[in-house]
Amino acid sequence: MRRLAEAIERAGPRPGPPFACPYLAGREARHLALRLEPLQPGLYHALMDLNFRRLGEVFYRPQCDGCDECRMIRLPVAEFRPNRAQRRCSRRNADLDVRIDVPRMSDEKQDLYRRYLRARHDGQMDGSPAELHGFLYSSPVDTLEVSYFREGELVAVGIADAEPGALSAVYCYFDPTLSSRSLGVFNVLTLLEQSRRRGLPYLYLGYYVRGCDTMDYKANYRPCEILEPGRGFVRHAAAPSI
C-alpha cells in the first residue's frame, strides 16, 4: 500500500490556489487534494503516513510555500499512559453512556452540531445539513461514530475512520455548556480504548501545528510520534520542541 500511495502522490494534481492559513496568522496555505474511488483497505493509512488527511470524500495534504508546520501526529496505542488531567477527565465522564455505530445523521445531531459551531467557531461554517453531511457523514472509507449520552440526552459525537492498522480521529462536536467535562479529550481517550480492543497499533489525531493553540495540544497525549519532513515519524515522549 505504501508504494501505491506514493504512486498516487506523484501522479496527483498540483496544489490549489493559496488561501489564508486557518492555523497560523499571517500565512497562506495551499492544499493538494485527491479523490480516490474505489479505495482499498489500508490505502488511506498509507496516505496518512504521507501526511494526507480526509475531509468528506476528499483526501488532502497541506503543501504551502515556505511552511511545513502541519505534521501528522499518531499515538502508539499499547504504550499510551494517561496523565493526571486525562485520568481526571475519564472519572468526570464515567457516567456517560458510550455507543459506537455507523455514522447516521439525525435532527438531534444537527442541533448539537449547530450549537457547537456557534460557541466554538468563527462563523465560517454555517452548520447546515448539507455542510454536516459533506463534512462528517460522507466518507469513502470505513468510518465509525461514537455517541455520548448523559441520562439519555446526546452530549457529544466523535467521528473516526477505521483502517486495518489504525483508527484516525476525524472530528468531535459536543454540548458547549459542558466544557468542564473536556469531552474532546474524553473522545480521544475513548478512541484509544477502542483501538486497544481492536488490536490496532496506532491512533492518528490529524495535524500537529507548532504555535497553534487549537492544534498543538495533541502532543499532550504521550508518547506520541510526529511526522517530520524527510525523517518519517519521530517519537516524542514529552511535549515536542519542534
Protein backbone atom coordinates (compact mmCIF):
# COMPACT_ATOMS: atom_id res chain seq x y z
CA MET A 1 0.00 0.00 0.00
CA ARG A 2 2.91 2.35 0.68
CA ARG A 3 4.12 2.08 -2.92
CA LEU A 4 0.62 2.61 -4.26
CA ALA A 5 0.16 5.67 -2.05
CA GLU A 6 3.48 7.09 -3.23
CA ALA A 7 2.50 6.50 -6.87
CA ILE A 8 -0.81 8.32 -6.26
CA GLU A 9 1.10 11.16 -4.62
CA ARG A 10 3.45 11.51 -7.61
CA ALA A 11 0.60 11.40 -10.13
CA GLY A 12 -1.65 13.73 -8.15
CA PRO A 13 -2.70 17.21 -9.25
CA ARG A 14 -0.81 20.36 -8.46
CA PRO A 15 -1.68 22.22 -5.25
CA GLY A 16 -4.66 24.56 -5.40
CA PRO A 17 -4.56 28.35 -5.09
CA PRO A 18 -3.40 29.95 -1.82
CA PHE A 19 -5.82 30.95 0.92
CA ALA A 20 -5.50 32.36 4.44
CA CYS A 21 -4.00 29.77 6.77
CA PRO A 22 -6.57 28.72 9.40
CA TYR A 23 -3.85 27.82 11.91
CA LEU A 24 -1.06 30.41 11.78
CA ALA A 25 -1.92 34.10 11.43
CA GLY A 26 -0.42 36.00 8.54
CA ARG A 27 0.44 32.93 6.47
CA GLU A 28 -1.02 31.49 3.31
CA ALA A 29 -1.88 27.84 2.82
CA ARG A 30 -2.28 25.59 -0.21
CA HIS A 31 -3.76 22.10 -0.43
CA LEU A 32 -3.05 19.19 -2.71
CA ALA A 33 -6.40 17.38 -2.98
CA LEU A 34 -7.32 13.93 -4.33
CA ARG A 35 -10.47 11.93 -4.90
CA LEU A 36 -9.97 8.16 -4.85
CA GLU A 37 -12.61 5.55 -5.69
CA PRO A 38 -12.69 2.68 -5.07
CA LEU A 39 -10.41 2.73 -2.04
CA GLN A 40 -8.64 -0.44 -0.90
CA PRO A 41 -8.40 -1.09 2.86
CA GLY A 42 -5.04 0.15 4.13
CA LEU A 43 -4.53 2.73 1.37
CA TYR A 44 -5.75 5.64 3.47
CA HIS A 45 -3.38 4.56 6.26
CA ALA A 46 -0.51 4.70 3.77
CA LEU A 47 -1.67 8.14 2.65
CA MET A 48 -1.76 9.36 6.26
CA ASP A 49 1.88 8.31 6.52
CA LEU A 50 2.49 10.69 3.60
CA ASN A 51 0.73 13.47 5.57
CA PHE A 52 -2.68 13.22 3.87
CA ARG A 53 -5.92 13.78 5.76
CA ARG A 54 -9.55 13.09 4.83
CA LEU A 55 -12.21 15.80 4.57
CA GLY A 56 -15.53 14.34 3.45
CA GLU A 57 -14.82 12.45 0.23
CA VAL A 58 -11.56 14.31 -0.46
CA PHE A 59 -8.04 13.43 0.68
CA TYR A 60 -5.79 16.46 1.09
CA ARG A 61 -2.36 17.48 2.25
CA PRO A 62 -1.11 20.98 3.05
CA GLN A 63 1.56 21.94 0.55
CA CYS A 64 2.35 25.51 1.47
CA ASP A 65 5.09 27.77 0.16
CA GLY A 66 7.81 28.09 2.78
CA CYS A 67 5.95 26.27 5.58
CA ASP A 68 5.61 22.64 6.64
CA GLU A 69 4.22 23.03 10.15
CA CYS A 70 1.14 20.79 9.56
CA ARG A 71 2.52 17.39 10.55
CA MET A 72 0.61 14.19 11.16
CA ILE A 73 0.63 13.01 14.76
CA ARG A 74 -0.12 9.49 15.97
CA LEU A 75 -0.23 7.67 19.30
CA PRO A 76 1.28 4.19 19.85
CA VAL A 77 -1.77 2.62 21.47
CA ALA A 78 -0.08 -0.09 23.56
CA GLU A 79 2.36 2.40 25.13
CA PHE A 80 -0.04 5.24 25.88
CA ARG A 81 -0.37 6.19 29.53
CA PRO A 82 -2.86 8.92 30.53
CA ASN A 83 -1.53 11.83 32.54
CA ARG A 84 -3.21 13.14 35.68
CA ALA A 85 -5.55 15.53 33.84
CA GLN A 86 -6.61 12.79 31.40
CA ARG A 87 -7.34 10.40 34.27
CA ARG A 88 -9.50 13.08 35.90
CA CYS A 89 -11.32 13.54 32.60
CA SER A 90 -12.14 9.81 32.47
CA ARG A 91 -13.53 9.94 36.00
CA ARG A 92 -15.65 13.04 35.27
CA ASN A 93 -17.26 11.29 32.33
CA ALA A 94 -17.69 7.83 33.81
CA ASP A 95 -21.46 8.45 33.97
CA LEU A 96 -21.80 8.77 30.18
CA ASP A 97 -23.35 6.08 28.01
CA VAL A 98 -20.98 5.49 25.07
CA ARG A 99 -22.43 3.97 21.89
CA ILE A 100 -20.44 3.04 18.77
CA ASP A 101 -22.19 2.57 15.44
CA VAL A 102 -22.02 3.52 11.78
CA PRO A 103 -22.42 7.29 11.18
CA ARG A 104 -26.03 8.43 10.82
CA MET A 105 -27.32 11.99 10.70
CA SER A 106 -30.30 12.99 12.83
CA ASP A 107 -32.09 16.15 13.91
CA GLU A 108 -30.59 15.76 17.38
CA LYS A 109 -27.05 15.62 15.99
CA GLN A 110 -27.75 18.54 13.68
CA ASP A 111 -28.89 20.68 16.61
CA LEU A 112 -25.84 19.71 18.68
CA TYR A 113 -23.52 20.49 15.77
CA ARG A 114 -25.06 23.95 15.27
CA ARG A 115 -24.77 24.79 18.97
CA TYR A 116 -21.15 23.64 18.98
CA LEU A 117 -20.28 25.78 15.96
CA ARG A 118 -21.95 28.89 17.41
CA ALA A 119 -19.89 28.60 20.58
CA ARG A 120 -16.58 27.32 19.28
CA HIS A 121 -16.02 28.54 15.70
CA ASP A 122 -15.56 31.82 13.86
CA GLY A 123 -18.65 31.72 11.67
CA GLN A 124 -17.00 30.35 8.52
CA MET A 125 -19.08 27.16 8.82
CA ASP A 126 -22.85 27.57 8.58
CA GLY A 127 -23.99 24.38 10.35
CA SER A 128 -26.40 23.42 7.57
CA PRO A 129 -27.46 19.79 7.00
CA ALA A 130 -25.59 19.82 3.67
CA GLU A 131 -22.41 21.03 5.36
CA LEU A 132 -22.66 18.46 8.14
CA HIS A 133 -23.28 15.65 5.67
CA GLY A 134 -20.43 16.67 3.37
CA PHE A 135 -18.02 17.26 6.25
CA LEU A 136 -18.65 14.27 8.51
CA TYR A 137 -21.29 11.94 7.10
CA SER A 138 -19.95 11.36 3.60
CA SER A 139 -16.91 9.07 3.57
CA PRO A 140 -15.22 6.72 1.06
CA VAL A 141 -13.56 4.73 3.88
CA ASP A 142 -14.83 2.64 6.78
CA THR A 143 -15.99 5.20 9.35
CA LEU A 144 -17.49 4.87 12.82
CA GLU A 145 -19.45 7.22 15.03
CA VAL A 146 -19.08 7.39 18.80
CA SER A 147 -22.09 8.97 20.53
CA TYR A 148 -22.05 10.07 24.17
CA PHE A 149 -25.27 10.31 26.21
CA ARG A 150 -25.97 11.70 29.68
CA GLU A 151 -29.26 10.44 31.10
CA GLY A 152 -30.50 9.73 27.58
CA GLU A 153 -29.51 13.14 26.15
CA LEU A 154 -26.89 13.35 23.39
CA VAL A 155 -23.97 15.49 24.60
CA ALA A 156 -21.13 14.66 22.17
CA VAL A 157 -20.37 12.90 18.91
CA GLY A 158 -16.99 11.69 17.68
CA ILE A 159 -16.27 10.57 14.12
CA ALA A 160 -13.30 8.30 13.35
CA ASP A 161 -12.00 6.40 10.33
CA ALA A 162 -11.14 2.73 10.75
CA GLU A 163 -8.23 1.27 8.79
CA PRO A 164 -6.86 -2.28 9.26
CA GLY A 165 -3.86 -0.92 11.18
CA ALA A 166 -5.19 2.23 12.85
CA LEU A 167 -8.05 4.45 13.84
CA SER A 168 -7.99 8.09 12.76
CA ALA A 169 -9.88 10.71 14.76
CA VAL A 170 -11.79 12.93 12.31
CA TYR A 171 -13.83 15.37 14.43
CA CYS A 172 -15.67 15.73 17.69
CA TYR A 173 -18.55 18.10 18.40
CA PHE A 174 -20.22 18.45 21.79
CA ASP A 175 -22.52 20.46 24.02
CA PRO A 176 -20.63 23.74 24.60
CA THR A 177 -22.27 24.21 28.01
CA LEU A 178 -20.38 21.13 29.25
CA SER A 179 -16.87 22.46 28.64
CA SER A 180 -15.78 21.46 32.16
CA ARG A 181 -16.14 17.81 31.15
CA SER A 182 -13.42 18.11 28.44
CA LEU A 183 -15.48 15.95 26.10
CA GLY A 184 -12.98 16.32 23.26
CA VAL A 185 -10.29 14.79 25.48
CA PHE A 186 -12.67 12.06 26.57
CA ASN A 187 -13.38 11.25 22.92
CA VAL A 188 -9.65 10.71 22.27
CA LEU A 189 -9.38 8.51 25.35
CA THR A 190 -12.40 6.51 24.14
CA LEU A 191 -10.83 6.06 20.70
CA LEU A 192 -7.60 4.90 22.32
CA GLU A 193 -9.53 2.26 24.25
CA GLN A 194 -11.42 1.24 21.11
CA SER A 195 -8.10 0.93 19.24
CA ARG A 196 -6.76 -1.24 22.05
CA ARG A 197 -9.78 -3.52 21.93
CA ARG A 198 -9.41 -3.89 18.16
CA GLY A 199 -5.71 -4.69 18.47
CA LEU A 200 -4.71 -1.64 16.41
CA PRO A 201 -1.21 -0.25 16.96
CA TYR A 202 -1.94 3.42 16.25
CA LEU A 203 -4.48 6.18 16.74
CA TYR A 204 -3.95 9.12 14.38
CA LEU A 205 -5.01 12.56 15.61
CA GLY A 206 -4.62 14.59 12.42
CA TYR A 207 -2.21 17.51 12.28
CA TYR A 208 0.01 18.85 15.00
CA VAL A 209 0.80 22.52 14.31
CA ARG A 210 3.50 24.12 16.42
CA GLY A 211 2.39 27.54 17.65
CA CYS A 212 -1.33 26.92 17.14
CA ASP A 213 -3.18 26.50 20.45
CA THR A 214 -6.08 24.66 18.83
CA MET A 215 -3.75 22.02 17.34
CA ASP A 216 -0.58 21.66 19.42
CA TYR A 217 -2.50 20.32 22.46
CA LYS A 218 -2.36 16.94 20.72
CA ALA A 219 1.21 16.46 21.94
CA ASN A 220 -0.19 16.18 25.49
CA TYR A 221 -1.04 12.55 24.67
CA ARG A 222 2.19 10.70 25.36
CA PRO A 223 4.15 9.09 24.00
CA CYS A 224 3.35 10.47 20.57
CA GLU A 225 5.01 10.34 17.18
CA ILE A 226 5.11 13.31 14.80
CA LEU A 227 5.81 13.10 11.09
CA GLU A 228 8.88 15.18 10.32
CA PRO A 229 9.89 16.04 6.75
CA GLY A 230 12.47 13.62 5.40
CA ARG A 231 12.63 11.62 8.64
CA GLY A 232 9.30 9.85 8.98
CA PHE A 233 7.59 9.53 12.35
CA VAL A 234 9.77 10.62 15.26
CA ARG A 235 8.98 9.73 18.86
CA HIS A 236 8.27 12.48 21.36
CA ALA A 237 7.95 11.14 24.89
CA ALA A 238 7.37 14.69 26.17
CA ALA A 239 5.89 17.82 24.65
CA PRO A 240 7.92 18.30 21.45
CA SER A 241 10.18 21.27 20.93
CA ILE A 242 9.94 21.28 17.14
